[in-house]
C-alpha atoms as a PDB file:
ATOM      1  CA  MET A   1      -6.095  21.879   4.157  1.00  0.00           C
ATOM      2  CA  ARG A   2      -4.128  20.177   1.508  1.00  0.00           C
ATOM      3  CA  PRO A   3      -3.714  16.906   1.064  1.00  0.00           C
ATOM      4  CA  ASN A   4      -0.165  15.146   0.822  1.00  0.00           C
ATOM      5  CA  PRO A   5       0.483  14.014  -2.940  1.00  0.00           C
ATOM      6  CA  PRO A   6       0.121  10.054  -2.879  1.00  0.00           C
ATOM      7  CA  LEU A   7       3.325   8.353  -4.716  1.00  0.00           C
ATOM      8  CA  LEU A   8       2.053   5.154  -6.634  1.00  0.00           C
ATOM      9  CA  PRO A   9       4.188   3.165  -8.862  1.00  0.00           C
ATOM     10  CA  PRO A  10       2.986   4.141 -12.538  1.00  0.00           C
ATOM     11  CA  HIS A  11       1.646   1.518 -14.944  1.00  0.00           C
ATOM     12  CA  PRO A  12       3.318   1.104 -18.208  1.00  0.00           C
ATOM     13  CA  ALA A  13       0.331   1.388 -20.500  1.00  0.00           C
ATOM     14  CA  LEU A  14      -1.859   3.029 -18.862  1.00  0.00           C
ATOM     15  CA  PRO A  15      -2.291   6.827 -17.785  1.00  0.00           C
ATOM     16  CA  PRO A  16      -2.056   7.134 -14.159  1.00  0.00           C
ATOM     17  CA  ARG A  17      -5.362   6.198 -12.659  1.00  0.00           C
ATOM     18  CA  PHE A  18      -4.529   8.745  -9.710  1.00  0.00           C
ATOM     19  CA  GLY A  19      -3.543  10.973 -11.775  1.00  0.00           C
ATOM     20  CA  PHE A  20      -6.991  13.251 -10.987  1.00  0.00           C
ATOM     21  CA  LEU A  21      -5.607  13.722  -7.330  1.00  0.00           C
ATOM     22  CA  ARG A  22      -3.820  16.914  -7.072  1.00  0.00           C
ATOM     23  CA  GLY A  23       0.206  16.614  -6.599  1.00  0.00           C
ATOM     24  CA  PHE A  24      -0.074  12.566  -7.661  1.00  0.00           C
ATOM     25  CA  ARG A  25       3.637  11.891  -8.832  1.00  0.00           C
ATOM     26  CA  PRO A  26       4.281   8.506  -9.503  1.00  0.00           C
ATOM     27  CA  PHE A  27       7.267   6.499  -9.031  1.00  0.00           C
ATOM     28  CA  ASP A  28       8.933   3.217  -9.725  1.00  0.00           C
ATOM     29  CA  LEU A  29       8.635   0.594  -6.975  1.00  0.00           C
ATOM     30  CA  GLU A  30      11.877  -1.244  -7.901  1.00  0.00           C
ATOM     31  CA  ARG A  31      13.784   2.245  -7.572  1.00  0.00           C
ATOM     32  CA  PRO A  32      12.250   3.946  -4.997  1.00  0.00           C
ATOM     33  CA  GLU A  33      14.174   7.236  -4.209  1.00  0.00           C
ATOM     34  CA  PRO A  34      13.811   8.926  -0.940  1.00  0.00           C
ATOM     35  CA  GLU A  35      14.158  12.439  -1.920  1.00  0.00           C
ATOM     36  CA  THR A  36      10.805  11.872  -3.902  1.00  0.00           C
ATOM     37  CA  ALA A  37       9.243  11.981  -0.472  1.00  0.00           C
ATOM     38  CA  ALA A  38      11.625  14.603   1.323  1.00  0.00           C
ATOM     39  CA  ASP A  39       9.177  17.774   1.121  1.00  0.00           C
ATOM     40  CA  PHE A  40       5.983  15.934   3.055  1.00  0.00           C
ATOM     41  CA  ALA A  41       4.686  13.321   5.380  1.00  0.00           C
ATOM     42  CA  PHE A  42       2.566  10.858   4.809  1.00  0.00           C
ATOM     43  CA  ASP A  43      -0.943  10.579   6.041  1.00  0.00           C
ATOM     44  CA  CYS A  44      -1.308   6.952   5.476  1.00  0.00           C
ATOM     45  CA  VAL A  45       0.336   4.485   2.280  1.00  0.00           C
ATOM     46  CA  LEU A  46      -2.379   2.690   0.116  1.00  0.00           C
ATOM     47  CA  CYS A  47      -0.949  -0.084  -1.583  1.00  0.00           C
ATOM     48  CA  ASP A  48      -1.905  -2.751  -4.022  1.00  0.00           C
ATOM     49  CA  PRO A  49       1.502  -4.415  -4.816  1.00  0.00           C
ATOM     50  CA  PRO A  50       2.251  -7.080  -7.751  1.00  0.00           C
ATOM     51  CA  PHE A  51       1.667  -9.832  -4.937  1.00  0.00           C
ATOM     52  CA  SER A  52       2.849 -12.784  -6.903  1.00  0.00           C
ATOM     53  CA  ASN A  53       6.271 -10.556  -8.392  1.00  0.00           C
ATOM     54  CA  PHE A  54       7.066  -8.402  -5.766  1.00  0.00           C
ATOM     55  CA  GLU A  55       8.575  -9.944  -1.679  1.00  0.00           C
ATOM     56  CA  LEU A  56       7.193  -8.449   1.086  1.00  0.00           C
ATOM     57  CA  ALA A  57      10.123  -7.714   2.363  1.00  0.00           C
ATOM     58  CA  ARG A  58      10.958  -5.357  -0.017  1.00  0.00           C
ATOM     59  CA  LEU A  59       8.005  -3.820   0.089  1.00  0.00           C
ATOM     60  CA  ARG A  60       8.983  -3.222   3.640  1.00  0.00           C
ATOM     61  CA  GLU A  61      12.327  -1.595   2.508  1.00  0.00           C
ATOM     62  CA  VAL A  62      10.515   0.229  -0.115  1.00  0.00           C
ATOM     63  CA  LEU A  63       8.426   1.638   2.721  1.00  0.00           C
ATOM     64  CA  ASN A  64      11.170   2.933   4.704  1.00  0.00           C
ATOM     65  CA  THR A  65      13.189   3.901   2.106  1.00  0.00           C
ATOM     66  CA  LEU A  66      10.493   6.729   1.135  1.00  0.00           C
ATOM     67  CA  GLY A  67      10.155   7.907   4.751  1.00  0.00           C
ATOM     68  CA  ALA A  68       6.500   6.192   4.832  1.00  0.00           C
ATOM     69  CA  ALA A  69       7.403   3.677   7.903  1.00  0.00           C
ATOM     70  CA  ALA A  70       5.715   5.309  10.491  1.00  0.00           C
ATOM     71  CA  ALA A  71       2.368   5.869   8.352  1.00  0.00           C
ATOM     72  CA  PRO A  72      -0.508   3.397   8.454  1.00  0.00           C
ATOM     73  CA  LEU A  73      -0.241   0.827   6.028  1.00  0.00           C
ATOM     74  CA  TYR A  74      -3.246  -0.006   4.067  1.00  0.00           C
ATOM     75  CA  LEU A  75      -2.493  -2.876   1.477  1.00  0.00           C
ATOM     76  CA  CYS A  76      -4.490  -5.195  -0.457  1.00  0.00           C
ATOM     77  CA  TYR A  77      -3.370  -8.805  -0.275  1.00  0.00           C
ATOM     78  CA  ASN A  78      -3.866 -12.716  -0.922  1.00  0.00           C
ATOM     79  CA  ALA A  79      -5.566 -13.729   2.022  1.00  0.00           C
ATOM     80  CA  ARG A  80      -3.836 -17.680   1.366  1.00  0.00           C
ATOM     81  CA  ARG A  81      -0.762 -15.918   1.928  1.00  0.00           C
ATOM     82  CA  GLU A  82      -1.800 -13.675   4.932  1.00  0.00           C
ATOM     83  CA  GLY A  83       0.699 -15.275   7.581  1.00  0.00           C
ATOM     84  CA  ALA A  84       3.744 -13.987   5.114  1.00  0.00           C
ATOM     85  CA  LEU A  85       1.929 -11.086   5.204  1.00  0.00           C
ATOM     86  CA  VAL A  86       1.894 -10.455   8.835  1.00  0.00           C
ATOM     87  CA  ASP A  87       4.913 -11.996   9.297  1.00  0.00           C
ATOM     88  CA  ALA A  88       6.874  -9.875   7.101  1.00  0.00           C
ATOM     89  CA  PHE A  89       5.959  -6.704   8.770  1.00  0.00           C
ATOM     90  CA  ALA A  90       6.440  -7.818  11.934  1.00  0.00           C
ATOM     91  CA  GLY A  91       8.581  -6.170  14.318  1.00  0.00           C
ATOM     92  CA  SER A  92       7.962  -3.105  11.944  1.00  0.00           C
ATOM     93  CA  GLY A  93       5.354  -1.160  14.223  1.00  0.00           C
ATOM     94  CA  ARG A  94       2.945  -2.237  11.928  1.00  0.00           C
ATOM     95  CA  GLU A  95       0.178  -4.563  12.996  1.00  0.00           C
ATOM     96  CA  LEU A  96      -1.744  -5.563   9.535  1.00  0.00           C
ATOM     97  CA  VAL A  97      -5.061  -7.421  10.265  1.00  0.00           C
ATOM     98  CA  ARG A  98      -7.935  -8.060   7.788  1.00  0.00           C
ATOM     99  CA  MET A  99     -10.042  -5.070   6.911  1.00  0.00           C
ATOM    100  CA  ALA A 100     -13.978  -5.753   7.538  1.00  0.00           C
ATOM    101  CA  GLY A 101     -15.511  -6.368   3.676  1.00  0.00           C
ATOM    102  CA  GLY A 102     -15.646  -9.134   1.576  1.00  0.00           C
ATOM    103  CA  PRO A 103     -13.169  -9.483  -1.233  1.00  0.00           C
ATOM    104  CA  LEU A 104     -11.622  -6.643  -3.466  1.00  0.00           C
ATOM    105  CA  GLY A 105     -12.641  -6.282  -7.151  1.00  0.00           C
ATOM    106  CA  TYR A 106     -10.726  -6.276  -9.993  1.00  0.00           C
ATOM    107  CA  THR A 107     -11.420  -6.170 -13.526  1.00  0.00           C
ATOM    108  CA  SER A 108      -7.771  -7.959 -14.621  1.00  0.00           C
ATOM    109  CA  VAL A 109      -8.059 -10.609 -12.142  1.00  0.00           C
ATOM    110  CA  LYS A 110      -9.524 -14.009 -12.456  1.00  0.00           C
ATOM    111  CA  ALA A 111     -12.534 -14.292 -10.220  1.00  0.00           C
ATOM    112  CA  SER A 112     -11.026 -17.074  -8.254  1.00  0.00           C
ATOM    113  CA  THR A 113      -8.402 -15.076  -7.436  1.00  0.00           C
ATOM    114  CA  GLN A 114     -10.262 -12.128  -6.519  1.00  0.00           C
ATOM    115  CA  GLN A 115     -12.511 -13.842  -4.215  1.00  0.00           C
ATOM    116  CA  HIS A 116      -9.234 -14.411  -1.984  1.00  0.00           C
ATOM    117  CA  ILE A 117      -7.835 -10.661  -2.233  1.00  0.00           C
ATOM    118  CA  PHE A 118      -8.539  -8.590   0.866  1.00  0.00           C
ATOM    119  CA  LEU A 119      -7.929  -5.129   2.207  1.00  0.00           C
ATOM    120  CA  TYR A 120      -5.487  -5.181   5.069  1.00  0.00           C
ATOM    121  CA  GLY A 121      -4.560  -2.368   7.722  1.00  0.00           C
ATOM    122  CA  PRO A 122      -3.890  -1.447  10.917  1.00  0.00           C
ATOM    123  CA  PRO A 123      -6.501  -2.495  13.582  1.00  0.00           C
ATOM    124  CA  TRP A 124      -9.304  -0.098  14.435  1.00  0.00           C
ATOM    125  CA  PRO A 125      -9.017   2.159  16.711  1.00  0.00           C
ATOM    126  CA  SER A 126      -5.417   2.144  16.782  1.00  0.00           C
ATOM    127  CA  VAL A 127      -5.355   4.895  13.488  1.00  0.00           C
ATOM    128  CA  GLY A 128      -6.116   8.103  14.815  1.00  0.00           C
ATOM    129  CA  VAL A 129      -9.474   9.616  13.560  1.00  0.00           C
ATOM    130  CA  PRO A 130      -9.620  13.041  11.828  1.00  0.00           C
ATOM    131  CA  SER A 131     -11.302  15.783  13.264  1.00  0.00           C
END
């Protein structure tokens, strides 16, 4: 079984960190093109947005544009803004809850900020488990 190719925004100064994945295709978060995703369906969406400079309402629009509105969403986000995250996806059919485990680690984020960044996703067991 061939996995669907992920679509992730490219970092301008670095080679794509997910380039090792077969079928990887970067996209522009500011200008998503619906035809980019027309060839396949998303199994899930993994998103680590630039949460300081990208509005959640816009992220929801991007996911809809890509045709990924129905796919389970896993999102790294600052827990201090958890209410805004939940509100932004309310009514979209996506309930986001903080996943088990501690804060996520980053090499380019101050430790004082890292302690507040967690993974959010659909509540378990609402997502089907592959057999």
